[in-house]
C-alpha cells in the first residue's frame, strides 16, 4: 500500500503539518523533531507526492522545453546547458520533441501549460502567429531559446544571426570570391533563415557585388537539402566559386555533392557555414564555420527563465550572445 503523510506523522508522533514542514525544508522545525520525521520517512519508505506538493505551493518545480528536432545534434548542446542550470536551481525538465511540425509544437506547448509547469522554454524553430497566440494564454514565463519572434514580444536568448552571416560571407569576399552562392533556410524563419539571408545580402552589397537570386536556394537546414541544392549550383554554366550555407549540416551535404562530382573543397569551391556542430571538425576537409555558443544559449535561457519564475530583477530580457569564426580547411583564396 502507498505510504501517506498521515502514516509518517503517526510513526514519528507528530502532526501532518510538521511532516509537511520537514519535507518542504521549512526552518521552523526543531532539530530533534526533524530527525524523528526523517527516520520515520526512511523506515516507511515514504516518497512525497510531487503533484500534491505542487498544488499546495502552487509550484511544480518543473520547466517545459520544446525542442524542434531531437535528431539534430545542435539542440543536444543547448539542452545540456538548460539541464545544468535547471539542476543548479532545483528544477526538473520535461523535454518534448516536436519533429519540426508547427501543429505538434502548438499541441506540446498547450499540453505543457496544462501540466502546470512553472515556466516554458521554446527552443529554436519559427515563431508564427499561432505560437504567439499559444504563448499569450500562458500564466507562466516563457523564454525563446535560440530563436525570437519577429516583433520581439517575448524574452529571448540568441546570437545576431545577420551579423554571423555577414562575417562568414565577408571572409569569403576577403579571399577574393565574388560569385558566392547561398544555401538558405526558409525566409519565414526570422532568425536562422531570414536574418542569415540578410547578412549574406548585406555583405555582398557593401562589397559592391550584385545579389543574384539564381545563387540563392532554400534548404530545410538538413544534410540532404544541402546536397540537393549544391547539385543545382554545380550544373550552372557559371557556377559559384564559394558557398555560404545557413547551417553546418547543409554545408556538409554541399561538400559531399562537390566531391561526388570529382571536384575539391576548397581548391575548386570554398564552403563556409554557421553553427559549429561536432561534425564540422570531423568532415574532410574540416569545415570553416561561425560558431554559435550553443551550451551558453541553453544555460543563459534557463537562468533568465529562473529569474522570471522567481520574480527577480531582469536587466535584459533580450540577450544576444557573441559568435566566433572558426577557421579550418574549407575556404581558400580564389
C-alpha atoms as a PDB file:
ATOM      1  CA  UNK A   1       0.000   0.000   0.000  1.00  0.00           C
ATOM      2  CA  UNK A   2       1.078   3.597  -0.629  1.00  0.00           C
ATOM      3  CA  UNK A   3       2.624   5.261   2.403  1.00  0.00           C
ATOM      4  CA  UNK A   4       0.995   8.631   3.117  1.00  0.00           C
ATOM      5  CA  UNK A   5       1.965  11.706   5.066  1.00  0.00           C
ATOM      6  CA  UNK A   6      -0.553  10.579   7.711  1.00  0.00           C
ATOM      7  CA  UNK A   7       1.426   7.324   8.177  1.00  0.00           C
ATOM      8  CA  UNK A   8       4.675   9.243   8.631  1.00  0.00           C
ATOM      9  CA  UNK A   9       3.077  11.617  11.154  1.00  0.00           C
ATOM     10  CA  UNK A  10       1.715   8.700  13.186  1.00  0.00           C
ATOM     11  CA  UNK A  11       5.058   6.847  13.082  1.00  0.00           C
ATOM     12  CA  UNK A  12       7.006   9.940  14.187  1.00  0.00           C
ATOM     13  CA  UNK A  13       4.406  11.024  16.747  1.00  0.00           C
ATOM     14  CA  UNK A  14       3.979  14.488  15.203  1.00  0.00           C
ATOM     15  CA  UNK A  15       1.302  16.328  13.250  1.00  0.00           C
ATOM     16  CA  UNK A  16       0.918  16.109   9.477  1.00  0.00           C
ATOM     17  CA  UNK A  17       1.702  19.830   9.346  1.00  0.00           C
ATOM     18  CA  UNK A  18       5.074  19.139  10.965  1.00  0.00           C
ATOM     19  CA  UNK A  19       5.870  16.405   8.449  1.00  0.00           C
ATOM     20  CA  UNK A  20       4.934  18.810   5.661  1.00  0.00           C
ATOM     21  CA  UNK A  21       7.276  21.473   7.046  1.00  0.00           C
ATOM     22  CA  UNK A  22      10.146  18.977   7.242  1.00  0.00           C
ATOM     23  CA  UNK A  23       9.571  17.704   3.685  1.00  0.00           C
ATOM     24  CA  UNK A  24       9.467  21.274   2.362  1.00  0.00           C
ATOM     25  CA  UNK A  25      12.627  22.309   4.272  1.00  0.00           C
ATOM     26  CA  UNK A  26      10.823  24.813   6.472  1.00  0.00           C
ATOM     27  CA  UNK A  27      13.400  26.085   9.018  1.00  0.00           C
ATOM     28  CA  UNK A  28      10.797  26.373  11.811  1.00  0.00           C
ATOM     29  CA  UNK A  29      11.227  22.777  12.993  1.00  0.00           C
ATOM     30  CA  UNK A  30      13.362  21.711  15.946  1.00  0.00           C
ATOM     31  CA  UNK A  31      16.412  19.575  15.003  1.00  0.00           C
ATOM     32  CA  UNK A  32      15.306  16.622  17.126  1.00  0.00           C
ATOM     33  CA  UNK A  33      11.810  16.711  15.604  1.00  0.00           C
ATOM     34  CA  UNK A  34      13.263  16.919  12.095  1.00  0.00           C
ATOM     35  CA  UNK A  35      15.458  13.888  12.887  1.00  0.00           C
ATOM     36  CA  UNK A  36      12.434  11.875  14.098  1.00  0.00           C
ATOM     37  CA  UNK A  37      10.496  12.686  10.935  1.00  0.00           C
ATOM     38  CA  UNK A  38      13.385  11.735   8.624  1.00  0.00           C
ATOM     39  CA  UNK A  39      13.851   8.456  10.496  1.00  0.00           C
ATOM     40  CA  UNK A  40      10.136   7.682  10.064  1.00  0.00           C
ATOM     41  CA  UNK A  41      10.319   8.550   6.367  1.00  0.00           C
ATOM     42  CA  UNK A  42      13.270   6.185   5.937  1.00  0.00           C
ATOM     43  CA  UNK A  43      11.650   3.332   7.868  1.00  0.00           C
ATOM     44  CA  UNK A  44       8.388   3.583   5.923  1.00  0.00           C
ATOM     45  CA  UNK A  45       9.924   4.336   2.522  1.00  0.00           C
ATOM     46  CA  UNK A  46       7.758   7.430   2.143  1.00  0.00           C
ATOM     47  CA  UNK A  47       8.056   9.457  -1.077  1.00  0.00           C
ATOM     48  CA  UNK A  48       6.372  12.886  -1.103  1.00  0.00           C
ATOM     49  CA  UNK A  49       3.676  13.345  -3.738  1.00  0.00           C
ATOM     50  CA  UNK A  50       5.082  15.985  -6.108  1.00  0.00           C
ATOM     51  CA  UNK A  51       1.653  16.754  -7.540  1.00  0.00           C
ATOM     52  CA  UNK A  52       0.137  17.322  -4.107  1.00  0.00           C
ATOM     53  CA  UNK A  53       3.085  19.484  -3.077  1.00  0.00           C
ATOM     54  CA  UNK A  54       2.681  21.479  -6.265  1.00  0.00           C
ATOM     55  CA  UNK A  55      -0.999  22.064  -5.574  1.00  0.00           C
ATOM     56  CA  UNK A  56      -0.198  23.264  -2.064  1.00  0.00           C
ATOM     57  CA  UNK A  57       2.706  25.529  -3.028  1.00  0.00           C
ATOM     58  CA  UNK A  58       1.330  26.471  -6.475  1.00  0.00           C
ATOM     59  CA  UNK A  59       4.750  25.451  -7.850  1.00  0.00           C
ATOM     60  CA  UNK A  60       5.733  22.204  -9.539  1.00  0.00           C
ATOM     61  CA  UNK A  61       9.493  22.958  -9.909  1.00  0.00           C
ATOM     62  CA  UNK A  62       9.224  21.716 -13.489  1.00  0.00           C
ATOM     63  CA  UNK A  63      10.096  23.517 -16.702  1.00  0.00           C
ATOM     64  CA  UNK A  64       8.771  22.520 -20.115  1.00  0.00           C
ATOM     65  CA  UNK A  65      11.231  22.550 -23.021  1.00  0.00           C
ATOM     66  CA  UNK A  66      10.007  22.344 -26.620  1.00  0.00           C
ATOM     67  CA  UNK A  67      12.736  21.084 -28.956  1.00  0.00           C
ATOM     68  CA  UNK A  68      12.019  21.270 -32.705  1.00  0.00           C
ATOM     69  CA  UNK A  69      14.036  18.216 -33.793  1.00  0.00           C
ATOM     70  CA  UNK A  70      15.665  15.904 -31.262  1.00  0.00           C
ATOM     71  CA  UNK A  71      17.697  14.207 -34.014  1.00  0.00           C
ATOM     72  CA  UNK A  72      19.513  17.471 -34.802  1.00  0.00           C
ATOM     73  CA  UNK A  73      22.803  17.475 -32.871  1.00  0.00           C
ATOM     74  CA  UNK A  74      22.828  21.242 -32.461  1.00  0.00           C
ATOM     75  CA  UNK A  75      19.966  21.060 -29.969  1.00  0.00           C
ATOM     76  CA  UNK A  76      21.634  18.492 -27.713  1.00  0.00           C
ATOM     77  CA  UNK A  77      24.256  21.026 -26.620  1.00  0.00           C
ATOM     78  CA  UNK A  78      21.561  23.637 -25.958  1.00  0.00           C
ATOM     79  CA  UNK A  79      19.622  21.079 -23.916  1.00  0.00           C
ATOM     80  CA  UNK A  80      22.739  20.286 -21.867  1.00  0.00           C
ATOM     81  CA  UNK A  81      23.117  23.947 -20.941  1.00  0.00           C
ATOM     82  CA  UNK A  82      19.446  24.097 -19.951  1.00  0.00           C
ATOM     83  CA  UNK A  83      19.703  20.927 -17.854  1.00  0.00           C
ATOM     84  CA  UNK A  84      22.836  22.019 -15.979  1.00  0.00           C
ATOM     85  CA  UNK A  85      21.326  25.331 -14.866  1.00  0.00           C
ATOM     86  CA  UNK A  86      17.972  23.701 -14.100  1.00  0.00           C
ATOM     87  CA  UNK A  87      19.730  21.269 -11.763  1.00  0.00           C
ATOM     88  CA  UNK A  88      21.600  24.109 -10.116  1.00  0.00           C
ATOM     89  CA  UNK A  89      18.323  25.829  -9.273  1.00  0.00           C
ATOM     90  CA  UNK A  90      16.487  22.575  -8.401  1.00  0.00           C
ATOM     91  CA  UNK A  91      14.142  22.456 -11.393  1.00  0.00           C
ATOM     92  CA  UNK A  92      13.185  19.343 -13.331  1.00  0.00           C
ATOM     93  CA  UNK A  93      12.947  19.356 -17.122  1.00  0.00           C
ATOM     94  CA  UNK A  94      10.159  17.946 -19.288  1.00  0.00           C
ATOM     95  CA  UNK A  95      11.667  17.729 -22.770  1.00  0.00           C
ATOM     96  CA  UNK A  96       9.244  17.420 -25.706  1.00  0.00           C
ATOM     97  CA  UNK A  97      10.245  16.787 -29.320  1.00  0.00           C
ATOM     98  CA  UNK A  98       8.040  18.460 -31.948  1.00  0.00           C
ATOM     99  CA  UNK A  99       9.507  16.933 -35.155  1.00  0.00           C
ATOM    100  CA  UNK A 100       9.679  20.408 -36.739  1.00  0.00           C
ATOM    101  CA  UNK A 101       5.898  20.392 -37.170  1.00  0.00           C
ATOM    102  CA  UNK A 102       4.055  23.557 -36.229  1.00  0.00           C
ATOM    103  CA  UNK A 103       0.868  21.746 -35.264  1.00  0.00           C
ATOM    104  CA  UNK A 104       2.773  19.462 -32.901  1.00  0.00           C
ATOM    105  CA  UNK A 105       4.669  22.411 -31.392  1.00  0.00           C
ATOM    106  CA  UNK A 106       1.394  24.177 -30.585  1.00  0.00           C
ATOM    107  CA  UNK A 107      -0.066  20.995 -29.125  1.00  0.00           C
ATOM    108  CA  UNK A 108       3.035  20.389 -26.986  1.00  0.00           C
ATOM    109  CA  UNK A 109       3.036  23.987 -25.727  1.00  0.00           C
ATOM    110  CA  UNK A 110      -0.597  23.706 -24.659  1.00  0.00           C
ATOM    111  CA  UNK A 111      -0.022  20.306 -23.045  1.00  0.00           C
ATOM    112  CA  UNK A 112       2.937  21.563 -21.016  1.00  0.00           C
ATOM    113  CA  UNK A 113       0.950  24.574 -19.829  1.00  0.00           C
ATOM    114  CA  UNK A 114      -1.903  22.265 -18.831  1.00  0.00           C
ATOM    115  CA  UNK A 115       0.616  20.204 -16.835  1.00  0.00           C
ATOM    116  CA  UNK A 116       1.194  23.308 -14.703  1.00  0.00           C
ATOM    117  CA  UNK A 117       4.874  23.761 -15.499  1.00  0.00           C
ATOM    118  CA  UNK A 118       6.439  26.760 -13.766  1.00  0.00           C
ATOM    119  CA  UNK A 119       7.944  28.049 -16.999  1.00  0.00           C
ATOM    120  CA  UNK A 120       8.461  27.221 -20.667  1.00  0.00           C
ATOM    121  CA  UNK A 121      11.499  27.284 -22.970  1.00  0.00           C
ATOM    122  CA  UNK A 122      10.794  27.252 -26.702  1.00  0.00           C
ATOM    123  CA  UNK A 123      13.983  26.112 -28.380  1.00  0.00           C
ATOM    124  CA  UNK A 124      14.586  27.056 -31.991  1.00  0.00           C
ATOM    125  CA  UNK A 125      12.136  26.937 -34.859  1.00  0.00           C
ATOM    126  CA  UNK A 126       9.958  29.575 -36.456  1.00  0.00           C
ATOM    127  CA  UNK A 127       7.684  31.572 -34.144  1.00  0.00           C
ATOM    128  CA  UNK A 128       4.412  32.021 -36.049  1.00  0.00           C
ATOM    129  CA  UNK A 129       1.261  33.895 -35.107  1.00  0.00           C
ATOM    130  CA  UNK A 130      -0.200  30.602 -33.868  1.00  0.00           C
ATOM    131  CA  UNK A 131       2.776  30.240 -31.498  1.00  0.00           C
ATOM    132  CA  UNK A 132       2.271  33.793 -30.277  1.00  0.00           C
ATOM    133  CA  UNK A 133      -1.393  33.099 -29.540  1.00  0.00           C
ATOM    134  CA  UNK A 134      -0.467  29.968 -27.568  1.00  0.00           C
ATOM    135  CA  UNK A 135       2.193  31.867 -25.608  1.00  0.00           C
ATOM    136  CA  UNK A 136      -0.280  34.619 -24.746  1.00  0.00           C
ATOM    137  CA  UNK A 137      -2.568  32.137 -22.997  1.00  0.00           C
ATOM    138  CA  UNK A 138       0.238  31.287 -20.590  1.00  0.00           C
ATOM    139  CA  UNK A 139       0.191  32.473 -16.987  1.00  0.00           C
ATOM    140  CA  UNK A 140       3.834  31.388 -16.517  1.00  0.00           C
ATOM    141  CA  UNK A 141       7.019  32.919 -18.001  1.00  0.00           C
ATOM    142  CA  UNK A 142       8.183  31.908 -21.476  1.00  0.00           C
ATOM    143  CA  UNK A 143      11.688  32.345 -22.905  1.00  0.00           C
ATOM    144  CA  UNK A 144      12.605  31.800 -26.561  1.00  0.00           C
ATOM    145  CA  UNK A 145      15.880  29.889 -26.778  1.00  0.00           C
ATOM    146  CA  UNK A 146      17.989  30.184 -29.937  1.00  0.00           C
ATOM    147  CA  UNK A 147      15.224  31.994 -31.776  1.00  0.00           C
ATOM    148  CA  UNK A 148      12.964  35.018 -31.414  1.00  0.00           C
ATOM    149  CA  UNK A 149       9.613  36.286 -32.630  1.00  0.00           C
ATOM    150  CA  UNK A 150       9.664  38.896 -35.377  1.00  0.00           C
ATOM    151  CA  UNK A 151       8.216  41.599 -33.099  1.00  0.00           C
ATOM    152  CA  UNK A 152      10.418  40.783 -30.079  1.00  0.00           C
ATOM    153  CA  UNK A 153       7.394  40.396 -27.801  1.00  0.00           C
ATOM    154  CA  UNK A 154       8.900  37.628 -25.649  1.00  0.00           C
ATOM    155  CA  UNK A 155      12.147  37.274 -23.685  1.00  0.00           C
ATOM    156  CA  UNK A 156      14.810  35.557 -25.783  1.00  0.00           C
ATOM    157  CA  UNK A 157      18.438  34.416 -25.863  1.00  0.00           C
ATOM    158  CA  UNK A 158      20.139  34.105 -29.234  1.00  0.00           C
ATOM    159  CA  UNK A 159      23.020  35.351 -31.384  1.00  0.00           C
ATOM    160  CA  UNK A 160      22.908  38.102 -34.001  1.00  0.00           C
ATOM    161  CA  UNK A 161      22.263  35.825 -36.980  1.00  0.00           C
ATOM    162  CA  UNK A 162      22.569  38.634 -39.521  1.00  0.00           C
ATOM    163  CA  UNK A 163      25.985  39.636 -38.170  1.00  0.00           C
ATOM    164  CA  UNK A 164      27.127  35.990 -38.098  1.00  0.00           C
ATOM    165  CA  UNK A 165      26.172  35.521 -41.753  1.00  0.00           C
ATOM    166  CA  UNK A 166      27.729  38.865 -42.695  1.00  0.00           C
ATOM    167  CA  UNK A 167      31.041  37.851 -41.114  1.00  0.00           C
ATOM    168  CA  UNK A 168      31.009  34.476 -42.886  1.00  0.00           C
ATOM    169  CA  UNK A 169      30.362  35.961 -46.328  1.00  0.00           C
ATOM    170  CA  UNK A 170      32.821  38.782 -45.660  1.00  0.00           C
ATOM    171  CA  UNK A 171      35.524  36.188 -45.035  1.00  0.00           C
ATOM    172  CA  UNK A 172      34.811  34.679 -48.469  1.00  0.00           C
ATOM    173  CA  UNK A 173      34.931  38.123 -50.077  1.00  0.00           C
ATOM    174  CA  UNK A 174      38.245  38.772 -48.333  1.00  0.00           C
ATOM    175  CA  UNK A 175      39.583  35.623 -50.015  1.00  0.00           C
ATOM    176  CA  UNK A 176      38.755  37.093 -53.427  1.00  0.00           C
ATOM    177  CA  UNK A 177      35.399  35.386 -54.036  1.00  0.00           C
ATOM    178  CA  UNK A 178      32.784  37.447 -55.883  1.00  0.00           C
ATOM    179  CA  UNK A 179      30.403  34.726 -57.070  1.00  0.00           C
ATOM    180  CA  UNK A 180      29.045  33.338 -53.814  1.00  0.00           C
ATOM    181  CA  UNK A 181      26.044  31.031 -53.637  1.00  0.00           C
ATOM    182  CA  UNK A 182      23.851  30.680 -50.564  1.00  0.00           C
ATOM    183  CA  UNK A 183      22.034  27.611 -49.295  1.00  0.00           C
ATOM    184  CA  UNK A 184      19.472  29.368 -47.112  1.00  0.00           C
ATOM    185  CA  UNK A 185      16.919  28.256 -44.569  1.00  0.00           C
ATOM    186  CA  UNK A 186      13.286  29.247 -45.005  1.00  0.00           C
ATOM    187  CA  UNK A 187      12.871  33.010 -45.134  1.00  0.00           C
ATOM    188  CA  UNK A 188       9.803  32.653 -42.910  1.00  0.00           C
ATOM    189  CA  UNK A 189      12.193  31.822 -40.051  1.00  0.00           C
ATOM    190  CA  UNK A 190      13.194  35.268 -38.709  1.00  0.00           C
ATOM    191  CA  UNK A 191      16.400  34.026 -37.071  1.00  0.00           C
ATOM    192  CA  UNK A 192      18.120  31.157 -38.879  1.00  0.00           C
ATOM    193  CA  UNK A 193      16.507  31.860 -42.245  1.00  0.00           C
ATOM    194  CA  UNK A 194      15.677  35.488 -42.987  1.00  0.00           C
ATOM    195  CA  UNK A 195      18.353  37.101 -40.799  1.00  0.00           C
ATOM    196  CA  UNK A 196      21.135  34.959 -42.236  1.00  0.00           C
ATOM    197  CA  UNK A 197      19.948  35.747 -45.757  1.00  0.00           C
ATOM    198  CA  UNK A 198      20.003  39.455 -44.884  1.00  0.00           C
ATOM    199  CA  UNK A 199      23.567  39.105 -43.618  1.00  0.00           C
ATOM    200  CA  UNK A 200      24.597  37.409 -46.860  1.00  0.00           C
ATOM    201  CA  UNK A 201      22.925  40.121 -48.920  1.00  0.00           C
ATOM    202  CA  UNK A 202      24.383  42.957 -46.828  1.00  0.00           C
ATOM    203  CA  UNK A 203      27.949  41.630 -47.159  1.00  0.00           C
ATOM    204  CA  UNK A 204      27.660  41.414 -50.944  1.00  0.00           C
ATOM    205  CA  UNK A 205      26.118  44.868 -51.253  1.00  0.00           C
ATOM    206  CA  UNK A 206      28.743  46.507 -49.024  1.00  0.00           C
ATOM    207  CA  UNK A 207      31.451  44.949 -51.202  1.00  0.00           C
ATOM    208  CA  UNK A 208      29.782  46.323 -54.338  1.00  0.00           C
ATOM    209  CA  UNK A 209      28.762  42.866 -55.543  1.00  0.00           C
ATOM    210  CA  UNK A 210      25.397  42.088 -57.084  1.00  0.00           C
ATOM    211  CA  UNK A 211      22.925  39.759 -55.397  1.00  0.00           C
ATOM    212  CA  UNK A 212      21.714  37.160 -57.890  1.00  0.00           C
ATOM    213  CA  UNK A 213      18.568  35.249 -56.948  1.00  0.00           C
ATOM    214  CA  UNK A 214      19.881  32.370 -59.082  1.00  0.00           C
ATOM    215  CA  UNK A 215      22.592  31.938 -56.455  1.00  0.00           C
ATOM    216  CA  UNK A 216      20.182  31.716 -53.507  1.00  0.00           C
ATOM    217  CA  UNK A 217      18.332  28.461 -52.927  1.00  0.00           C
ATOM    218  CA  UNK A 218      16.209  27.394 -49.963  1.00  0.00           C
ATOM    219  CA  UNK A 219      17.018  24.282 -47.955  1.00  0.00           C
ATOM    220  CA  UNK A 220      15.462  22.796 -44.823  1.00  0.00           C
ATOM    221  CA  UNK A 221      18.594  23.004 -42.618  1.00  0.00           C
ATOM    222  CA  UNK A 222      19.386  19.283 -43.120  1.00  0.00           C
ATOM    223  CA  UNK A 223      22.162  17.411 -44.933  1.00  0.00           C
ATOM    224  CA  UNK A 224      20.001  16.170 -47.811  1.00  0.00           C
ATOM    225  CA  UNK A 225      18.824  19.636 -48.811  1.00  0.00           C
ATOM    226  CA  UNK A 226      22.404  20.947 -48.780  1.00  0.00           C
ATOM    227  CA  UNK A 227      23.425  18.098 -51.072  1.00  0.00           C
ATOM    228  CA  UNK A 228      20.493  18.671 -53.451  1.00  0.00           C
ATOM    229  CA  UNK A 229      20.940  22.451 -53.661  1.00  0.00           C
ATOM    230  CA  UNK A 230      24.663  22.047 -54.315  1.00  0.00           C
ATOM    231  CA  UNK A 231      23.824  19.718 -57.210  1.00  0.00           C
ATOM    232  CA  UNK A 232      21.766  22.575 -58.667  1.00  0.00           C
ATOM    233  CA  UNK A 233      24.659  25.043 -58.311  1.00  0.00           C
ATOM    234  CA  UNK A 234      27.082  22.604 -59.946  1.00  0.00           C
ATOM    235  CA  UNK A 235      25.010  22.323 -63.120  1.00  0.00           C
ATOM    236  CA  UNK A 236      25.070  26.119 -63.683  1.00  0.00           C
ATOM    237  CA  UNK A 237      27.205  27.199 -66.635  1.00  0.00           C
ATOM    238  CA  UNK A 238      28.745  29.928 -64.472  1.00  0.00           C
ATOM    239  CA  UNK A 239      28.818  28.200 -61.116  1.00  0.00           C
ATOM    240  CA  UNK A 240      29.790  29.898 -57.843  1.00  0.00           C
ATOM    241  CA  UNK A 241      33.353  29.708 -56.538  1.00  0.00           C
ATOM    242  CA  UNK A 242      32.170  29.697 -52.933  1.00  0.00           C
ATOM    243  CA  UNK A 243      29.128  28.598 -50.940  1.00  0.00           C
ATOM    244  CA  UNK A 244      27.677  30.057 -47.756  1.00  0.00           C
ATOM    245  CA  UNK A 245      25.326  27.540 -46.112  1.00  0.00           C
ATOM    246  CA  UNK A 246      22.967  28.661 -43.353  1.00  0.00           C
ATOM    247  CA  UNK A 247      23.788  25.554 -41.270  1.00  0.00           C
ATOM    248  CA  UNK A 248      26.757  23.216 -40.923  1.00  0.00           C
ATOM    249  CA  UNK A 249      24.604  20.222 -41.774  1.00  0.00           C
ATOM    250  CA  UNK A 250      23.657  21.719 -45.150  1.00  0.00           C
ATOM    251  CA  UNK A 251      27.300  22.706 -45.690  1.00  0.00           C
ATOM    252  CA  UNK A 252      28.451  19.113 -45.151  1.00  0.00           C
ATOM    253  CA  UNK A 253      25.848  17.975 -47.680  1.00  0.00           C
ATOM    254  CA  UNK A 254      27.228  20.559 -50.114  1.00  0.00           C
ATOM    255  CA  UNK A 255      30.813  19.362 -49.587  1.00  0.00           C
ATOM    256  CA  UNK A 256      29.827  15.780 -50.367  1.00  0.00           C
ATOM    257  CA  UNK A 257      27.935  16.856 -53.505  1.00  0.00           C
ATOM    258  CA  UNK A 258      31.034  18.728 -54.702  1.00  0.00           C
ATOM    259  CA  UNK A 259      33.258  15.724 -54.018  1.00  0.00           C
ATOM    260  CA  UNK A 260      30.845  13.346 -55.736  1.00  0.00           C
ATOM    261  CA  UNK A 261      31.296  15.417 -58.913  1.00  0.00           C
ATOM    262  CA  UNK A 262      35.073  14.886 -58.727  1.00  0.00           C
ATOM    263  CA  UNK A 263      35.744  18.423 -57.544  1.00  0.00           C
ATOM    264  CA  UNK A 264      37.728  19.522 -54.497  1.00  0.00           C
ATOM    265  CA  UNK A 265      36.974  21.689 -51.480  1.00  0.00           C
ATOM    266  CA  UNK A 266      38.400  24.295 -51.152  1.00  0.00           C
ATOM    267  CA  UNK A 267      40.602  24.140 -54.276  1.00  0.00           C
ATOM    268  CA  UNK A 268      37.632  24.272 -56.675  1.00  0.00           C
ATOM    269  CA  UNK A 269      34.847  25.578 -54.421  1.00  0.00           C
ATOM    270  CA  UNK A 270      35.089  27.039 -50.911  1.00  0.00           C
ATOM    271  CA  UNK A 271      32.406  26.312 -48.307  1.00  0.00           C
ATOM    272  CA  UNK A 272      31.551  28.144 -45.076  1.00  0.00           C
ATOM    273  CA  UNK A 273      28.552  27.971 -42.756  1.00  0.00           C
ATOM    274  CA  UNK A 274      27.138  28.737 -39.301  1.00  0.00           C
ATOM    275  CA  UNK A 275      26.711  26.633 -36.119  1.00  0.00           C
ATOM    276  CA  UNK A 276      29.947  24.697 -35.377  1.00  0.00           C
ATOM    277  CA  UNK A 277      28.346  21.331 -34.654  1.00  0.00           C
ATOM    278  CA  UNK A 278      30.685  18.440 -33.741  1.00  0.00           C
ATOM    279  CA  UNK A 279      30.597  17.083 -37.298  1.00  0.00           C
ATOM    280  CA  UNK A 280      32.205  20.319 -38.544  1.00  0.00           C
ATOM    281  CA  UNK A 281      35.528  19.134 -37.099  1.00  0.00           C
ATOM    282  CA  UNK A 282      35.069  15.557 -38.369  1.00  0.00           C
ATOM    283  CA  UNK A 283      34.198  16.084 -42.044  1.00  0.00           C
ATOM    284  CA  UNK A 284      37.064  16.346 -44.561  1.00  0.00           C
ATOM    285  CA  UNK A 285      38.122  18.986 -45.263  1.00  0.00           C
ATOM    286  CA  UNK A 286      37.484  20.402 -41.793  1.00  0.00           C
ATOM    287  CA  UNK A 287      34.630  22.900 -42.084  1.00  0.00           C
ATOM    288  CA  UNK A 288      35.212  26.615 -41.568  1.00  0.00           C
ATOM    289  CA  UNK A 289      32.176  27.942 -39.742  1.00  0.00           C
ATOM    290  CA  UNK A 290      30.758  30.630 -37.472  1.00  0.00           C
ATOM    291  CA  UNK A 291      30.332  29.121 -34.022  1.00  0.00           C
ATOM    292  CA  UNK A 292      27.188  29.652 -32.004  1.00  0.00           C
ATOM    293  CA  UNK A 293      27.751  29.268 -28.232  1.00  0.00           C
ATOM    294  CA  UNK A 294      25.096  26.556 -28.033  1.00  0.00           C
ATOM    295  CA  UNK A 295      25.711  25.485 -24.430  1.00  0.00           C
ATOM    296  CA  UNK A 296      25.661  29.129 -23.317  1.00  0.00           C
ATOM    297  CA  UNK A 297      22.425  29.810 -25.205  1.00  0.00           C
ATOM    298  CA  UNK A 298      20.785  26.996 -23.247  1.00  0.00           C
ATOM    299  CA  UNK A 299      22.339  27.972 -19.911  1.00  0.00           C
ATOM    300  CA  UNK A 300      21.560  31.682 -20.199  1.00  0.00           C
ATOM    301  CA  UNK A 301      17.998  30.938 -21.359  1.00  0.00           C
ATOM    302  CA  UNK A 302      17.382  28.745 -18.307  1.00  0.00           C
ATOM    303  CA  UNK A 303      18.906  31.319 -15.941  1.00  0.00           C
ATOM    304  CA  UNK A 304      16.740  34.049 -17.455  1.00  0.00           C
ATOM    305  CA  UNK A 305      13.694  31.821 -17.001  1.00  0.00           C
ATOM    306  CA  UNK A 306      14.556  31.140 -13.332  1.00  0.00           C
ATOM    307  CA  UNK A 307      14.719  34.888 -12.729  1.00  0.00           C
ATOM    308  CA  UNK A 308      11.337  35.413 -14.359  1.00  0.00           C
ATOM    309  CA  UNK A 309       9.766  32.485 -12.486  1.00  0.00           C
ATOM    310  CA  UNK A 310      11.050  33.798  -9.158  1.00  0.00           C
ATOM    311  CA  UNK A 311      10.190  37.419  -9.995  1.00  0.00           C
ATOM    312  CA  UNK A 312      13.803  38.524  -9.702  1.00  0.00           C
ATOM    313  CA  UNK A 313      15.069  41.714 -11.294  1.00  0.00           C
ATOM    314  CA  UNK A 314      15.844  41.178 -15.007  1.00  0.00           C
ATOM    315  CA  UNK A 315      18.089  43.811 -16.572  1.00  0.00           C
ATOM    316  CA  UNK A 316      17.849  42.452 -20.130  1.00  0.00           C
ATOM    317  CA  UNK A 317      15.032  40.297 -21.465  1.00  0.00           C
ATOM    318  CA  UNK A 318      16.526  40.189 -24.993  1.00  0.00           C
ATOM    319  CA  UNK A 319      20.014  38.686 -24.765  1.00  0.00           C
ATOM    320  CA  UNK A 320      22.389  38.442 -27.746  1.00  0.00           C
ATOM    321  CA  UNK A 321      25.485  36.298 -27.229  1.00  0.00           C
ATOM    322  CA  UNK A 322      28.640  36.661 -29.299  1.00  0.00           C
ATOM    323  CA  UNK A 323      29.629  34.418 -32.206  1.00  0.00           C
ATOM    324  CA  UNK A 324      33.090  33.456 -33.416  1.00  0.00           C
ATOM    325  CA  UNK A 325      34.582  32.442 -36.775  1.00  0.00           C
ATOM    326  CA  UNK A 326      36.357  29.079 -36.553  1.00  0.00           C
ATOM    327  CA  UNK A 327      38.778  28.948 -39.490  1.00  0.00           C
ATOM    328  CA  UNK A 328      39.558  25.412 -40.599  1.00  0.00           C
ATOM    329  CA  UNK A 329      40.273  23.987 -44.064  1.00  0.00           C
ATOM    330  CA  UNK A 330      37.214  24.504 -46.304  1.00  0.00           C
ATOM    331  CA  UNK A 331      37.943  28.066 -47.504  1.00  0.00           C
ATOM    332  CA  UNK A 332      40.747  29.092 -49.835  1.00  0.00           C
ATOM    333  CA  UNK A 333      41.762  32.157 -51.830  1.00  0.00           C
ATOM    334  CA  UNK A 334      40.223  32.165 -55.300  1.00  0.00           C
END
